Amino acid sequence: MPYISASIIIQLMGAVVPYFQRLQKEGEEGRKKITQLTRYGTVLISTMQAYGISIFLGSMTSNIGGAVVPVVPNPGILFTFTAIVSLVTGTMLMMWLGERITERGIGNGISLIIMVGIMSRFPNVIITEVVYVQEGLRGLLGEIILIAIMFVIVGCVVLLTQGTRKIPVQYAKRVVGRKIYGGQATHIPMKVNTAGVMPIIFAQSIMFIPTTIATFFTNNEFFQSMMRWFSFDHPFYWFVFGTMIIFFTYFYTAIAFDPVQVSTTMKQQGGFIPGVRPGKKTAEFIDNILTRVTLPGSFSLAFIAIFPYILMQIMDIDFNLASFFGGTSLLIVVGVGLDTIQQIESHLMMRHYDGFLSKGRIRGRRRM
């Protein structure tokens, strides 16, 4: 999570800070600089989180034989230093491993590591459900219903991830010397969910703020009521959480996709949308399409994020199982899985063409 948090911060700063905007336009050198800044941000965030974890562990107690004893016997400076060094080192190791997978493997390394971490919980969830059925704590019909819901929700996430609206683009013919360029037709793919999982991450981060503040005022009735309102099983939490996801979906989409920039690039390359004037009218047309496409995507994303909490209340299941029915876990697993499959297919296709060309060269040499 520190790496993801640092990446999100750098990406958001690229939309508002001129220095980061220049780096994004500098090509490979700018990308290397952004990667280096992301690493520094990861170290800073992981250090802060590690310090918080060490303080939390030092304050924890356990009941052993009727006696309350601290979980950490001597939570002093040495323990805090050791915890910070261990957690930060582990974070840097995972970041290095993810970068090596991205560079030498297939897919995004960090995303694959996160996906594997999520999927590693799945076998334990399955074993727990089997034990519940054997002990009679949950009926077989209930498990069949859960499996059916799983297939339906995964299908919905796939549609949300892959759904696109194609805007046709036509390029005018240009004569350069004795050659004619352009004239081909293509399209601009407008994804239903351009923002991905970012709106859920933003919304979750903000939703933790009220409960965190309320923990400092345990004797105040208003803040105790606030903790109940912002608990996972309260309808008020679902409403606010869903509303914030819809807002951040539009917010992040506006940052990730700039209709004016797309319109300018098309105009410079001699492209135009049939029936729409180049320039400002094209930017307005793309912006209107993007707004209409994002609306169902934002509501679908909000529903998928809230659905695990609703399912916990209806089916009486714990969060470990419910997290696989929506939220960031399911979106990450499906999104990374689909992206990795596409990259594998592209890699196999490229190897197929390389083999075909190699065979062609061999046959040519034999003729000689």
Protein backbone atom coordinates (compact mmCIF):
# COMPACT_ATOMS: atom_id res chain seq x y z
CA MET A 1 0.00 0.00 0.00
CA PRO A 2 2.80 2.58 0.58
CA TYR A 3 3.88 2.22 -3.06
CA ILE A 4 0.28 2.53 -4.29
CA SER A 5 -0.28 5.58 -2.08
CA ALA A 6 2.91 7.22 -3.35
CA SER A 7 1.94 6.48 -6.97
CA ILE A 8 -1.50 8.03 -6.46
CA ILE A 9 -0.02 11.17 -4.86
CA ILE A 10 2.51 11.59 -7.70
CA GLN A 11 -0.21 11.07 -10.29
CA LEU A 12 -2.50 13.65 -8.68
CA MET A 13 0.35 16.14 -8.41
CA GLY A 14 0.94 15.66 -12.13
CA ALA A 15 -2.46 17.25 -12.72
CA VAL A 16 -1.91 20.37 -10.58
CA VAL A 17 1.86 20.94 -10.12
CA PRO A 18 3.69 22.39 -13.17
CA TYR A 19 6.95 20.59 -12.30
CA PHE A 20 5.31 17.16 -12.48
CA GLN A 21 3.43 18.17 -15.63
CA ARG A 22 6.78 18.92 -17.30
CA LEU A 23 8.15 15.56 -16.20
CA GLN A 24 5.20 13.77 -17.77
CA LYS A 25 5.98 15.45 -21.11
CA GLU A 26 9.73 14.66 -21.08
CA GLY A 27 9.33 11.08 -22.28
CA GLU A 28 11.65 8.36 -20.96
CA GLU A 29 13.81 10.69 -18.86
CA GLY A 30 10.73 12.17 -17.22
CA ARG A 31 9.35 8.69 -16.52
CA LYS A 32 12.61 7.69 -14.80
CA LYS A 33 12.49 10.81 -12.63
CA ILE A 34 8.85 10.14 -11.69
CA THR A 35 9.76 6.54 -10.80
CA GLN A 36 12.59 7.78 -8.58
CA LEU A 37 10.28 10.26 -6.81
CA THR A 38 7.72 7.48 -6.32
CA ARG A 39 10.41 5.39 -4.60
CA TYR A 40 11.28 8.26 -2.26
CA GLY A 41 7.59 8.74 -1.50
CA THR A 42 7.24 5.02 -0.78
CA VAL A 43 10.08 5.15 1.75
CA LEU A 44 8.55 8.20 3.47
CA ILE A 45 5.01 6.77 3.63
CA SER A 46 6.18 3.31 4.74
CA THR A 47 8.30 4.89 7.50
CA MET A 48 5.30 6.85 8.81
CA GLN A 49 3.05 3.79 8.65
CA ALA A 50 5.68 1.60 10.32
CA TYR A 51 6.00 4.09 13.17
CA GLY A 52 2.22 4.08 13.64
CA ILE A 53 2.14 0.27 13.62
CA SER A 54 4.93 0.08 16.21
CA ILE A 55 3.05 2.49 18.51
CA PHE A 56 -0.17 0.51 18.05
CA LEU A 57 1.56 -2.81 18.83
CA GLY A 58 3.17 -1.27 21.90
CA SER A 59 -0.25 -0.27 23.26
CA MET A 60 -1.90 -3.67 22.67
CA THR A 61 -2.62 -6.04 25.55
CA SER A 62 -3.60 -9.70 25.77
CA ASN A 63 -5.53 -11.72 28.36
CA ILE A 64 -3.45 -14.75 29.35
CA GLY A 65 -4.70 -16.88 32.24
CA GLY A 66 -6.87 -14.05 33.54
CA ALA A 67 -3.97 -11.62 33.60
CA VAL A 68 -3.72 -8.66 31.22
CA VAL A 69 -0.22 -8.52 29.78
CA PRO A 70 1.22 -6.30 27.03
CA VAL A 71 1.73 -7.89 23.62
CA VAL A 72 5.17 -6.27 23.43
CA PRO A 73 6.98 -6.66 26.79
CA ASN A 74 9.34 -3.71 26.32
CA PRO A 75 7.95 -1.26 23.73
CA GLY A 76 10.89 1.11 23.87
CA ILE A 77 13.03 2.92 21.32
CA LEU A 78 14.79 -0.29 20.27
CA PHE A 79 11.49 -2.02 19.45
CA THR A 80 10.24 1.02 17.50
CA PHE A 81 13.51 1.24 15.55
CA THR A 82 13.50 -2.50 14.79
CA ALA A 83 9.86 -2.44 13.67
CA ILE A 84 10.43 0.56 11.38
CA VAL A 85 13.56 -0.94 9.80
CA SER A 86 11.90 -4.34 9.30
CA LEU A 87 8.69 -2.99 7.75
CA VAL A 88 10.43 -0.42 5.52
CA THR A 89 12.96 -3.02 4.35
CA GLY A 90 10.15 -5.44 3.52
CA THR A 91 8.32 -2.72 1.59
CA MET A 92 11.44 -1.86 -0.42
CA LEU A 93 12.05 -5.56 -1.15
CA MET A 94 8.51 -5.95 -2.49
CA MET A 95 8.89 -2.77 -4.56
CA TRP A 96 12.19 -4.00 -6.03
CA LEU A 97 10.68 -7.41 -6.79
CA GLY A 98 7.67 -5.78 -8.45
CA GLU A 99 9.89 -3.62 -10.65
CA ARG A 100 11.94 -6.67 -11.71
CA ILE A 101 8.75 -8.53 -12.65
CA THR A 102 7.57 -5.54 -14.68
CA GLU A 103 10.94 -5.22 -16.42
CA ARG A 104 11.66 -8.89 -17.15
CA GLY A 105 8.30 -10.62 -16.82
CA ILE A 106 4.74 -10.18 -18.04
CA GLY A 107 2.30 -7.68 -16.55
CA ASN A 108 2.71 -5.05 -13.86
CA GLY A 109 4.83 -6.50 -11.06
CA ILE A 110 3.37 -4.50 -8.16
CA SER A 111 -0.17 -5.25 -9.31
CA LEU A 112 0.60 -8.96 -9.62
CA ILE A 113 2.06 -9.06 -6.09
CA ILE A 114 -1.05 -7.33 -4.70
CA MET A 115 -3.31 -9.74 -6.62
CA VAL A 116 -1.40 -12.77 -5.31
CA GLY A 117 -1.68 -11.38 -1.77
CA ILE A 118 -5.45 -11.04 -2.15
CA MET A 119 -5.87 -14.49 -3.72
CA SER A 120 -3.74 -16.12 -1.00
CA ARG A 121 -6.65 -15.58 1.41
CA PHE A 122 -9.11 -17.43 -0.81
CA PRO A 123 -8.13 -21.06 0.11
CA ASN A 124 -8.59 -20.33 3.83
CA VAL A 125 -12.02 -18.82 3.10
CA ILE A 126 -13.03 -21.94 1.15
CA ILE A 127 -11.83 -24.24 3.94
CA THR A 128 -13.74 -22.19 6.53
CA GLU A 129 -16.96 -22.42 4.49
CA VAL A 130 -16.56 -26.20 4.10
CA VAL A 131 -16.15 -26.53 7.87
CA TYR A 132 -19.27 -24.40 8.43
CA VAL A 133 -21.30 -26.69 6.16
CA GLN A 134 -19.97 -29.84 7.84
CA GLU A 135 -20.80 -28.48 11.29
CA GLY A 136 -24.27 -27.36 10.20
CA LEU A 137 -23.57 -23.67 10.78
CA ARG A 138 -24.44 -22.89 7.16
CA GLY A 139 -26.74 -24.75 4.80
CA LEU A 140 -25.75 -26.16 1.42
CA LEU A 141 -28.41 -24.02 -0.29
CA GLY A 142 -26.85 -20.88 1.16
CA GLU A 143 -23.45 -21.86 -0.24
CA ILE A 144 -24.95 -22.50 -3.69
CA ILE A 145 -26.57 -19.05 -3.58
CA LEU A 146 -23.22 -17.48 -2.64
CA ILE A 147 -21.48 -19.25 -5.55
CA ALA A 148 -24.17 -18.02 -7.96
CA ILE A 149 -23.81 -14.46 -6.63
CA MET A 150 -20.04 -14.74 -7.05
CA PHE A 151 -20.34 -15.64 -10.76
CA VAL A 152 -22.84 -12.81 -11.36
CA ILE A 153 -20.77 -10.14 -9.59
CA VAL A 154 -17.54 -11.26 -11.32
CA GLY A 155 -19.33 -11.00 -14.67
CA CYS A 156 -20.50 -7.49 -13.78
CA VAL A 157 -16.96 -6.47 -12.81
CA VAL A 158 -15.60 -7.84 -16.11
CA LEU A 159 -18.20 -5.82 -18.03
CA LEU A 160 -17.37 -2.72 -15.98
CA THR A 161 -13.64 -3.19 -16.59
CA GLN A 162 -13.82 -4.01 -20.31
CA GLY A 163 -16.80 -1.85 -21.34
CA THR A 164 -15.92 0.92 -23.81
CA ARG A 165 -17.68 3.45 -26.03
CA LYS A 166 -15.88 3.88 -29.37
CA ILE A 167 -15.86 7.35 -30.94
CA PRO A 168 -15.07 7.11 -34.69
CA VAL A 169 -12.13 9.17 -35.95
CA GLN A 170 -11.24 9.83 -39.59
CA TYR A 171 -7.81 11.05 -40.72
CA ALA A 172 -7.50 13.24 -43.81
CA LYS A 173 -5.15 12.21 -46.61
CA ARG A 174 -1.84 14.06 -46.82
CA VAL A 175 0.64 14.09 -49.71
CA VAL A 176 4.29 14.15 -48.63
CA GLY A 177 6.58 14.00 -51.63
CA ARG A 178 5.37 11.12 -53.77
CA LYS A 179 3.64 9.29 -50.90
CA ILE A 180 0.09 9.64 -49.57
CA TYR A 181 -0.37 9.39 -45.80
CA GLY A 182 -3.53 9.15 -43.72
CA GLY A 183 -7.03 8.48 -44.90
CA GLN A 184 -7.58 5.61 -42.50
CA ALA A 185 -10.42 5.33 -39.99
CA THR A 186 -9.90 4.55 -36.31
CA HIS A 187 -11.64 5.24 -33.00
CA ILE A 188 -11.12 6.66 -29.51
CA PRO A 189 -11.98 4.05 -26.84
CA MET A 190 -13.89 5.66 -23.96
CA LYS A 191 -13.85 3.25 -21.02
CA VAL A 192 -16.92 2.98 -18.81
CA ASN A 193 -14.64 2.86 -15.78
CA THR A 194 -11.69 5.09 -16.63
CA ALA A 195 -10.89 5.69 -12.96
CA GLY A 196 -10.42 2.01 -12.01
CA VAL A 197 -10.21 1.36 -8.25
CA MET A 198 -8.93 4.85 -7.39
CA PRO A 199 -12.36 6.33 -6.40
CA ILE A 200 -12.89 3.52 -3.88
CA ILE A 201 -9.41 4.03 -2.40
CA PHE A 202 -9.98 7.80 -2.10
CA ALA A 203 -13.43 7.33 -0.56
CA GLN A 204 -12.21 4.71 1.94
CA SER A 205 -9.35 6.98 3.03
CA ILE A 206 -11.76 9.84 3.76
CA MET A 207 -14.35 7.59 5.43
CA PHE A 208 -11.74 6.60 8.03
CA ILE A 209 -11.30 10.22 9.15
CA PRO A 210 -14.54 10.62 11.20
CA THR A 211 -14.01 7.37 13.13
CA THR A 212 -10.36 8.24 13.75
CA ILE A 213 -11.37 11.62 15.20
CA ALA A 214 -14.14 9.99 17.27
CA THR A 215 -11.64 7.66 18.98
CA PHE A 216 -10.11 10.69 20.74
CA PHE A 217 -13.50 11.63 22.26
CA THR A 218 -14.76 8.35 23.69
CA ASN A 219 -16.79 10.08 26.43
CA ASN A 220 -18.63 12.42 24.07
CA GLU A 221 -22.10 11.25 23.05
CA PHE A 222 -22.01 13.02 19.67
CA PHE A 223 -18.75 11.38 18.64
CA GLN A 224 -20.00 8.00 19.84
CA SER A 225 -23.02 8.46 17.57
CA MET A 226 -20.65 9.40 14.77
CA MET A 227 -18.81 6.10 15.21
CA ARG A 228 -22.11 4.23 14.86
CA TRP A 229 -23.06 6.21 11.73
CA PHE A 230 -19.72 5.48 10.09
CA SER A 231 -19.62 1.77 10.96
CA PHE A 232 -19.63 -0.67 8.03
CA ASP A 233 -23.09 -2.05 8.82
CA HIS A 234 -24.89 1.32 8.97
CA PRO A 235 -26.99 2.49 5.96
CA PHE A 236 -25.69 6.04 6.47
CA TYR A 237 -22.15 4.76 5.83
CA TRP A 238 -23.30 3.02 2.65
CA PHE A 239 -24.98 6.20 1.36
CA VAL A 240 -22.04 8.52 2.09
CA PHE A 241 -19.51 5.96 0.81
CA GLY A 242 -21.41 5.46 -2.45
CA THR A 243 -21.89 9.21 -2.98
CA MET A 244 -18.18 9.86 -2.48
CA ILE A 245 -17.27 7.09 -4.94
CA ILE A 246 -19.50 8.66 -7.60
CA PHE A 247 -17.90 12.07 -6.96
CA PHE A 248 -14.33 10.75 -7.06
CA THR A 249 -15.07 8.74 -10.22
CA TYR A 250 -15.85 11.96 -12.06
CA PHE A 251 -12.97 13.75 -10.34
CA TYR A 252 -10.34 11.15 -11.24
CA THR A 253 -11.72 10.69 -14.78
CA ALA A 254 -11.33 14.44 -15.35
CA ILE A 255 -7.68 14.13 -14.30
CA ALA A 256 -6.88 10.96 -16.25
CA PHE A 257 -8.62 11.93 -19.51
CA ASP A 258 -8.29 15.45 -20.95
CA PRO A 259 -10.71 16.05 -23.88
CA VAL A 260 -8.93 19.31 -24.83
CA GLN A 261 -5.57 17.54 -25.13
CA VAL A 262 -7.13 14.72 -27.18
CA SER A 263 -8.82 17.25 -29.48
CA THR A 264 -5.58 19.21 -29.95
CA THR A 265 -3.58 16.07 -30.75
CA MET A 266 -6.20 14.94 -33.27
CA LYS A 267 -6.18 18.33 -34.99
CA GLN A 268 -2.39 18.36 -35.23
CA GLN A 269 -2.40 14.90 -36.82
CA GLY A 270 -5.17 15.74 -39.29
CA GLY A 271 -7.86 13.71 -37.52
CA PHE A 272 -11.49 14.62 -36.99
CA ILE A 273 -14.74 13.12 -35.75
CA PRO A 274 -17.28 12.82 -38.60
CA GLY A 275 -19.96 15.50 -38.26
CA VAL A 276 -18.05 17.49 -35.59
CA ARG A 277 -15.87 20.53 -36.25
CA PRO A 278 -12.22 20.18 -35.13
CA GLY A 279 -11.00 22.14 -32.12
CA LYS A 280 -13.32 23.38 -29.38
CA LYS A 281 -16.42 21.60 -30.73
CA THR A 282 -14.56 18.28 -30.77
CA ALA A 283 -13.41 18.78 -27.16
CA GLU A 284 -16.99 19.56 -26.08
CA PHE A 285 -18.31 16.52 -27.96
CA ILE A 286 -15.75 14.20 -26.33
CA ASP A 287 -16.46 15.73 -22.90
CA ASN A 288 -20.22 15.13 -23.30
CA ILE A 289 -19.66 11.51 -24.33
CA LEU A 290 -17.24 11.01 -21.42
CA THR A 291 -19.77 12.42 -18.95
CA ARG A 292 -22.56 10.15 -20.20
CA VAL A 293 -20.32 7.07 -20.22
CA THR A 294 -18.97 7.78 -16.73
CA LEU A 295 -22.46 8.05 -15.17
CA PRO A 296 -23.37 4.32 -15.31
CA GLY A 297 -19.76 3.44 -14.55
CA SER A 298 -19.73 5.52 -11.37
CA PHE A 299 -23.02 4.06 -10.08
CA SER A 300 -21.85 0.52 -10.91
CA LEU A 301 -18.56 1.14 -9.12
CA ALA A 302 -20.40 2.46 -6.05
CA PHE A 303 -22.68 -0.60 -5.99
CA ILE A 304 -19.75 -3.03 -6.30
CA ALA A 305 -17.96 -1.25 -3.43
CA ILE A 306 -21.01 -1.31 -1.12
CA PHE A 307 -22.26 -4.78 -2.05
CA PRO A 308 -19.94 -6.73 0.34
CA TYR A 309 -21.32 -4.80 3.34
CA ILE A 310 -24.91 -5.43 2.22
CA LEU A 311 -24.14 -9.12 1.68
CA MET A 312 -22.69 -9.38 5.18
CA GLN A 313 -26.04 -8.26 6.62
CA ILE A 314 -28.25 -10.38 4.33
CA MET A 315 -26.27 -13.66 4.30
CA ASP A 316 -24.66 -13.30 7.76
CA ILE A 317 -21.09 -13.86 6.53
CA ASP A 318 -17.81 -12.37 7.75
CA PHE A 319 -15.79 -9.76 5.89
CA ASN A 320 -13.06 -12.21 4.80
CA LEU A 321 -15.61 -13.96 2.58
CA ALA A 322 -17.63 -10.86 1.67
CA SER A 323 -14.52 -9.02 0.39
CA PHE A 324 -14.39 -11.41 -2.59
CA PHE A 325 -17.87 -10.27 -3.67
CA GLY A 326 -16.86 -6.69 -4.47
CA GLY A 327 -14.78 -3.76 -3.32
CA THR A 328 -11.15 -3.12 -4.19
CA SER A 329 -10.18 -6.78 -3.79
CA LEU A 330 -12.40 -8.08 -6.58
CA LEU A 331 -11.71 -5.09 -8.85
CA ILE A 332 -7.94 -5.54 -8.46
CA VAL A 333 -8.06 -9.31 -9.05
CA VAL A 334 -10.27 -9.04 -12.14
CA GLY A 335 -8.51 -5.96 -13.54
CA VAL A 336 -4.98 -7.31 -13.09
CA GLY A 337 -6.03 -10.76 -14.32
CA LEU A 338 -7.56 -9.38 -17.53
CA ASP A 339 -4.58 -7.08 -18.14
CA THR A 340 -2.11 -9.95 -17.63
CA ILE A 341 -4.06 -12.22 -19.98
CA GLN A 342 -4.02 -9.53 -22.68
CA GLN A 343 -0.26 -9.07 -22.30
CA ILE A 344 0.31 -12.84 -22.47
CA GLU A 345 -1.77 -13.03 -25.66
CA SER A 346 0.22 -10.15 -27.19
CA HIS A 347 3.49 -11.83 -26.17
CA LEU A 348 2.45 -15.16 -27.70
CA MET A 349 1.29 -13.43 -30.87
CA MET A 350 4.63 -11.65 -31.18
CA ARG A 351 6.52 -14.91 -30.69
CA HIS A 352 4.30 -16.51 -33.34
CA TYR A 353 5.19 -13.80 -35.87
CA ASP A 354 8.88 -13.97 -34.92
CA GLY A 355 8.83 -17.72 -35.53
CA PHE A 356 7.04 -17.23 -38.84
CA LEU A 357 9.60 -14.66 -40.01
CA SER A 358 12.50 -16.85 -38.86
CA LYS A 359 11.15 -19.78 -40.87
CA GLY A 360 10.80 -17.49 -43.89
CA ARG A 361 14.45 -16.46 -43.61
CA ILE A 362 15.56 -20.08 -43.33
CA ARG A 363 13.64 -21.06 -46.46
CA GLY A 364 15.15 -18.12 -48.33
CA ARG A 365 18.68 -19.24 -47.46
CA ARG A 366 17.95 -22.78 -48.60
CA ARG A 367 16.86 -21.50 -52.02
CA MET A 368 20.19 -19.74 -52.35
